[in-house]
Amino acid sequence: MQKVLGIAGWSGSGKTTLIEALLPRLAARGLRVSVIKHSHHDIEPDAAGKDSWRHRRAGAAEVMLLSPRRVAVFAELAEELTLDAQLARLQPVDLVLLEGQKWQPVPKLEVHRPALGKPLLCAEDSRVLAVASDAALEIALPQLALNDHDAIADFIARWLEESK
């Protein structure tokens, strides 16, 4: 199985923004990284009226949209994919960042903003390796400054190397 690191936190904590900042920094370290983003809401990534949308509406189980440089697969699911099934759909990479799905049994970097008034996930989840926050916290885990993207990328690269 590919190496997976969850980027976990409550809604509004800055997970997407952090991942966006980390991706070029991890790539600069020679790492190929993919992202799986979970949504609790039903999604419609296809454009209404387009051929692929029409094919799905007509009953296709999956529609692959292919160009010379990109591929997208639109699939209708009977139930949510397991993590193994999600990973099986990706090309092999050095690291998969899992945004959301904080319940998954994978190592995690927690993103925490005390101003949101939400509890720390690390208090209940022993798989949290470190916490990236915009404020100092009284915890035993390593703490990273949420806006120090280079330090967070270094932490992830070290973890990845040490976990080989």
C-alpha atoms as a PDB file:
ATOM      1  CA  MET A   1       0.000   0.000   0.000  1.00  0.00           C
ATOM      2  CA  GLN A   2       1.160   3.527  -0.734  1.00  0.00           C
ATOM      3  CA  LYS A   3       2.270   5.793   2.116  1.00  0.00           C
ATOM      4  CA  VAL A   4      -0.694   7.804   3.338  1.00  0.00           C
ATOM      5  CA  LEU A   5      -0.696  10.825   5.632  1.00  0.00           C
ATOM      6  CA  GLY A   6      -3.983  12.241   6.787  1.00  0.00           C
ATOM      7  CA  ILE A   7      -4.301  16.012   6.973  1.00  0.00           C
ATOM      8  CA  ALA A   8      -7.018  16.130   9.606  1.00  0.00           C
ATOM      9  CA  GLY A   9      -8.873  18.938  11.304  1.00  0.00           C
ATOM     10  CA  TRP A  10     -12.247  20.509  11.767  1.00  0.00           C
ATOM     11  CA  SER A  11     -13.968  22.372   8.943  1.00  0.00           C
ATOM     12  CA  GLY A  12     -12.449  25.829   8.549  1.00  0.00           C
ATOM     13  CA  SER A  13      -9.108  24.893  10.114  1.00  0.00           C
ATOM     14  CA  GLY A  14      -7.142  25.425   6.893  1.00  0.00           C
ATOM     15  CA  LYS A  15      -6.518  21.895   5.605  1.00  0.00           C
ATOM     16  CA  THR A  16      -6.981  22.761   1.924  1.00  0.00           C
ATOM     17  CA  THR A  17      -4.854  25.908   2.153  1.00  0.00           C
ATOM     18  CA  LEU A  18      -2.101  23.976   3.909  1.00  0.00           C
ATOM     19  CA  ILE A  19      -2.114  21.179   1.326  1.00  0.00           C
ATOM     20  CA  GLU A  20      -2.003  23.755  -1.472  1.00  0.00           C
ATOM     21  CA  ALA A  21       1.112  25.296   0.119  1.00  0.00           C
ATOM     22  CA  LEU A  22       2.740  21.909   0.808  1.00  0.00           C
ATOM     23  CA  LEU A  23       2.389  20.386  -2.665  1.00  0.00           C
ATOM     24  CA  PRO A  24       5.014  22.526  -4.454  1.00  0.00           C
ATOM     25  CA  ARG A  25       7.360  22.244  -1.452  1.00  0.00           C
ATOM     26  CA  LEU A  26       7.110  18.457  -1.398  1.00  0.00           C
ATOM     27  CA  ALA A  27       7.568  18.345  -5.185  1.00  0.00           C
ATOM     28  CA  ALA A  28      10.712  20.478  -4.801  1.00  0.00           C
ATOM     29  CA  ARG A  29      12.032  17.736  -2.487  1.00  0.00           C
ATOM     30  CA  GLY A  30      11.574  15.235  -5.329  1.00  0.00           C
ATOM     31  CA  LEU A  31       8.353  13.692  -4.024  1.00  0.00           C
ATOM     32  CA  ARG A  32       5.386  12.719  -6.171  1.00  0.00           C
ATOM     33  CA  VAL A  33       2.260  13.415  -4.142  1.00  0.00           C
ATOM     34  CA  SER A  34      -1.425  12.760  -4.763  1.00  0.00           C
ATOM     35  CA  VAL A  35      -4.380  14.058  -2.767  1.00  0.00           C
ATOM     36  CA  ILE A  36      -7.676  12.411  -1.901  1.00  0.00           C
ATOM     37  CA  LYS A  37     -10.193  15.033  -0.787  1.00  0.00           C
ATOM     38  CA  HIS A  38     -13.318  13.835   0.976  1.00  0.00           C
ATOM     39  CA  SER A  39     -16.593  15.709   0.975  1.00  0.00           C
ATOM     40  CA  HIS A  40     -19.578  14.995   3.197  1.00  0.00           C
ATOM     41  CA  HIS A  41     -21.794  16.504   0.505  1.00  0.00           C
ATOM     42  CA  ASP A  42     -22.914  14.956  -2.770  1.00  0.00           C
ATOM     43  CA  ILE A  43     -20.642  16.268  -5.503  1.00  0.00           C
ATOM     44  CA  GLU A  44     -21.263  17.036  -9.151  1.00  0.00           C
ATOM     45  CA  PRO A  45     -17.831  17.620 -10.721  1.00  0.00           C
ATOM     46  CA  ASP A  46     -19.183  17.149 -14.225  1.00  0.00           C
ATOM     47  CA  ALA A  47     -20.775  20.001 -16.156  1.00  0.00           C
ATOM     48  CA  ALA A  48     -24.477  19.678 -16.891  1.00  0.00           C
ATOM     49  CA  GLY A  49     -25.135  19.180 -20.583  1.00  0.00           C
ATOM     50  CA  LYS A  50     -21.623  17.959 -21.447  1.00  0.00           C
ATOM     51  CA  ASP A  51     -21.281  14.591 -23.207  1.00  0.00           C
ATOM     52  CA  SER A  52     -19.815  12.879 -20.124  1.00  0.00           C
ATOM     53  CA  TRP A  53     -22.683  14.198 -17.974  1.00  0.00           C
ATOM     54  CA  ARG A  54     -25.214  12.998 -20.553  1.00  0.00           C
ATOM     55  CA  HIS A  55     -23.619   9.526 -20.632  1.00  0.00           C
ATOM     56  CA  ARG A  56     -23.821   9.256 -16.819  1.00  0.00           C
ATOM     57  CA  ARG A  57     -27.431  10.446 -16.825  1.00  0.00           C
ATOM     58  CA  ALA A  58     -28.199   7.814 -19.481  1.00  0.00           C
ATOM     59  CA  GLY A  59     -26.955   5.059 -17.147  1.00  0.00           C
ATOM     60  CA  ALA A  60     -23.207   4.560 -17.607  1.00  0.00           C
ATOM     61  CA  ALA A  61     -21.624   3.182 -14.424  1.00  0.00           C
ATOM     62  CA  GLU A  62     -18.408   5.057 -15.216  1.00  0.00           C
ATOM     63  CA  VAL A  63     -17.407   7.633 -17.794  1.00  0.00           C
ATOM     64  CA  MET A  64     -13.751   8.345 -18.508  1.00  0.00           C
ATOM     65  CA  LEU A  65     -12.971  11.753 -19.942  1.00  0.00           C
ATOM     66  CA  LEU A  66      -9.558  11.705 -21.582  1.00  0.00           C
ATOM     67  CA  SER A  67      -7.354  14.359 -23.154  1.00  0.00           C
ATOM     68  CA  PRO A  68      -3.682  14.132 -24.155  1.00  0.00           C
ATOM     69  CA  ARG A  69      -2.613  15.310 -20.662  1.00  0.00           C
ATOM     70  CA  ARG A  70      -5.482  14.569 -18.240  1.00  0.00           C
ATOM     71  CA  VAL A  71      -7.976  11.936 -17.287  1.00  0.00           C
ATOM     72  CA  ALA A  72     -11.115  12.171 -15.182  1.00  0.00           C
ATOM     73  CA  VAL A  73     -13.373   9.310 -14.227  1.00  0.00           C
ATOM     74  CA  PHE A  74     -16.925   9.999 -13.190  1.00  0.00           C
ATOM     75  CA  ALA A  75     -18.409   7.014 -11.393  1.00  0.00           C
ATOM     76  CA  GLU A  76     -21.712   6.291  -9.752  1.00  0.00           C
ATOM     77  CA  LEU A  77     -21.186   4.393  -6.490  1.00  0.00           C
ATOM     78  CA  ALA A  78     -23.533   2.120  -4.601  1.00  0.00           C
ATOM     79  CA  GLU A  79     -21.554   2.897  -1.429  1.00  0.00           C
ATOM     80  CA  GLU A  80     -18.575   4.982  -0.388  1.00  0.00           C
ATOM     81  CA  LEU A  81     -15.193   3.536  -1.369  1.00  0.00           C
ATOM     82  CA  THR A  82     -12.952   2.060   1.298  1.00  0.00           C
ATOM     83  CA  LEU A  83      -9.527   3.631   1.692  1.00  0.00           C
ATOM     84  CA  ASP A  84      -7.943   0.643  -0.082  1.00  0.00           C
ATOM     85  CA  ALA A  85     -10.337   1.091  -3.007  1.00  0.00           C
ATOM     86  CA  GLN A  86      -9.594   4.826  -3.125  1.00  0.00           C
ATOM     87  CA  LEU A  87      -5.852   4.180  -3.205  1.00  0.00           C
ATOM     88  CA  ALA A  88      -6.232   1.477  -5.866  1.00  0.00           C
ATOM     89  CA  ARG A  89      -7.662   4.089  -8.240  1.00  0.00           C
ATOM     90  CA  LEU A  90      -4.522   6.245  -7.999  1.00  0.00           C
ATOM     91  CA  GLN A  91      -1.240   5.880  -9.807  1.00  0.00           C
ATOM     92  CA  PRO A  92       1.672   4.912  -7.532  1.00  0.00           C
ATOM     93  CA  VAL A  93       3.279   7.949  -5.882  1.00  0.00           C
ATOM     94  CA  ASP A  94       5.601   8.612  -2.961  1.00  0.00           C
ATOM     95  CA  LEU A  95       2.829   9.950  -0.741  1.00  0.00           C
ATOM     96  CA  VAL A  96      -0.942  10.313  -0.708  1.00  0.00           C
ATOM     97  CA  LEU A  97      -2.309  13.164   1.391  1.00  0.00           C
ATOM     98  CA  LEU A  98      -5.750  12.323   2.681  1.00  0.00           C
ATOM     99  CA  GLU A  99      -7.766  15.477   3.346  1.00  0.00           C
ATOM    100  CA  GLY A 100     -10.671  14.817   5.642  1.00  0.00           C
ATOM    101  CA  GLN A 101     -11.675  11.259   6.515  1.00  0.00           C
ATOM    102  CA  LYS A 102     -10.244  11.887   9.983  1.00  0.00           C
ATOM    103  CA  TRP A 103     -11.682   8.541  11.110  1.00  0.00           C
ATOM    104  CA  GLN A 104      -9.298   6.577   8.864  1.00  0.00           C
ATOM    105  CA  PRO A 105      -6.645   4.509  10.703  1.00  0.00           C
ATOM    106  CA  VAL A 106      -3.649   6.291   9.168  1.00  0.00           C
ATOM    107  CA  PRO A 107      -0.901   8.554  10.521  1.00  0.00           C
ATOM    108  CA  LYS A 108      -2.084  12.152  10.617  1.00  0.00           C
ATOM    109  CA  LEU A 109      -0.959  15.732  10.808  1.00  0.00           C
ATOM    110  CA  GLU A 110      -3.625  17.650  12.677  1.00  0.00           C
ATOM    111  CA  VAL A 111      -4.493  21.194  11.617  1.00  0.00           C
ATOM    112  CA  HIS A 112      -5.898  23.080  14.594  1.00  0.00           C
ATOM    113  CA  ARG A 113      -7.107  26.635  15.140  1.00  0.00           C
ATOM    114  CA  PRO A 114      -8.122  27.244  18.775  1.00  0.00           C
ATOM    115  CA  ALA A 115     -10.325  30.164  17.649  1.00  0.00           C
ATOM    116  CA  LEU A 116     -12.752  27.641  16.112  1.00  0.00           C
ATOM    117  CA  GLY A 117     -13.557  26.379  19.618  1.00  0.00           C
ATOM    118  CA  LYS A 118     -13.235  22.727  18.587  1.00  0.00           C
ATOM    119  CA  PRO A 119     -11.361  20.078  20.567  1.00  0.00           C
ATOM    120  CA  LEU A 120      -7.988  18.747  19.532  1.00  0.00           C
ATOM    121  CA  LEU A 121      -8.293  15.512  17.569  1.00  0.00           C
ATOM    122  CA  CYS A 122      -5.010  14.259  19.028  1.00  0.00           C
ATOM    123  CA  ALA A 123      -6.687  13.958  22.431  1.00  0.00           C
ATOM    124  CA  GLU A 124      -8.703  11.018  21.064  1.00  0.00           C
ATOM    125  CA  ASP A 125      -6.541   9.811  18.146  1.00  0.00           C
ATOM    126  CA  SER A 126      -3.129   8.309  18.897  1.00  0.00           C
ATOM    127  CA  ARG A 127      -2.304   8.280  15.177  1.00  0.00           C
ATOM    128  CA  VAL A 128      -1.761  12.062  15.152  1.00  0.00           C
ATOM    129  CA  LEU A 129       1.995  12.606  14.697  1.00  0.00           C
ATOM    130  CA  ALA A 130       2.080  16.385  15.139  1.00  0.00           C
ATOM    131  CA  VAL A 131      -0.199  19.409  15.277  1.00  0.00           C
ATOM    132  CA  ALA A 132       0.080  22.434  13.000  1.00  0.00           C
ATOM    133  CA  SER A 133      -1.572  25.376  14.715  1.00  0.00           C
ATOM    134  CA  ASP A 134      -1.770  29.160  14.597  1.00  0.00           C
ATOM    135  CA  ALA A 135      -1.345  29.309  18.405  1.00  0.00           C
ATOM    136  CA  ALA A 136       0.852  27.663  21.022  1.00  0.00           C
ATOM    137  CA  LEU A 137      -0.723  24.552  22.531  1.00  0.00           C
ATOM    138  CA  GLU A 138      -0.076  22.608  25.699  1.00  0.00           C
ATOM    139  CA  ILE A 139       0.379  19.143  24.206  1.00  0.00           C
ATOM    140  CA  ALA A 140       3.121  16.518  24.265  1.00  0.00           C
ATOM    141  CA  LEU A 141       3.184  16.074  20.482  1.00  0.00           C
ATOM    142  CA  PRO A 142       5.439  18.068  18.159  1.00  0.00           C
ATOM    143  CA  GLN A 143       3.897  21.429  17.282  1.00  0.00           C
ATOM    144  CA  LEU A 144       4.405  23.188  13.974  1.00  0.00           C
ATOM    145  CA  ALA A 145       3.522  26.761  13.117  1.00  0.00           C
ATOM    146  CA  LEU A 146       0.601  26.524  10.706  1.00  0.00           C
ATOM    147  CA  ASN A 147       2.043  29.214   8.429  1.00  0.00           C
ATOM    148  CA  ASP A 148       5.597  27.789   8.383  1.00  0.00           C
ATOM    149  CA  HIS A 149       4.986  25.681   5.303  1.00  0.00           C
ATOM    150  CA  ASP A 150       8.679  24.862   4.830  1.00  0.00           C
ATOM    151  CA  ALA A 151       8.960  23.437   8.357  1.00  0.00           C
ATOM    152  CA  ILE A 152       5.802  21.371   7.851  1.00  0.00           C
ATOM    153  CA  ALA A 153       7.095  20.054   4.509  1.00  0.00           C
ATOM    154  CA  ASP A 154      10.398  19.185   6.229  1.00  0.00           C
ATOM    155  CA  PHE A 155       8.495  17.322   8.961  1.00  0.00           C
ATOM    156  CA  ILE A 156       6.527  15.324   6.377  1.00  0.00           C
ATOM    157  CA  ALA A 157       9.636  14.532   4.306  1.00  0.00           C
ATOM    158  CA  ARG A 158      11.476  13.334   7.451  1.00  0.00           C
ATOM    159  CA  TRP A 159       8.500  11.217   8.515  1.00  0.00           C
ATOM    160  CA  LEU A 160       8.272   9.703   5.057  1.00  0.00           C
ATOM    161  CA  GLU A 161      11.987   8.859   5.020  1.00  0.00           C
ATOM    162  CA  GLU A 162      11.916   7.424   8.565  1.00  0.00           C
ATOM    163  CA  SER A 163       8.842   5.304   7.851  1.00  0.00           C
ATOM    164  CA  LYS A 164      10.338   3.480   4.863  1.00  0.00           C
END
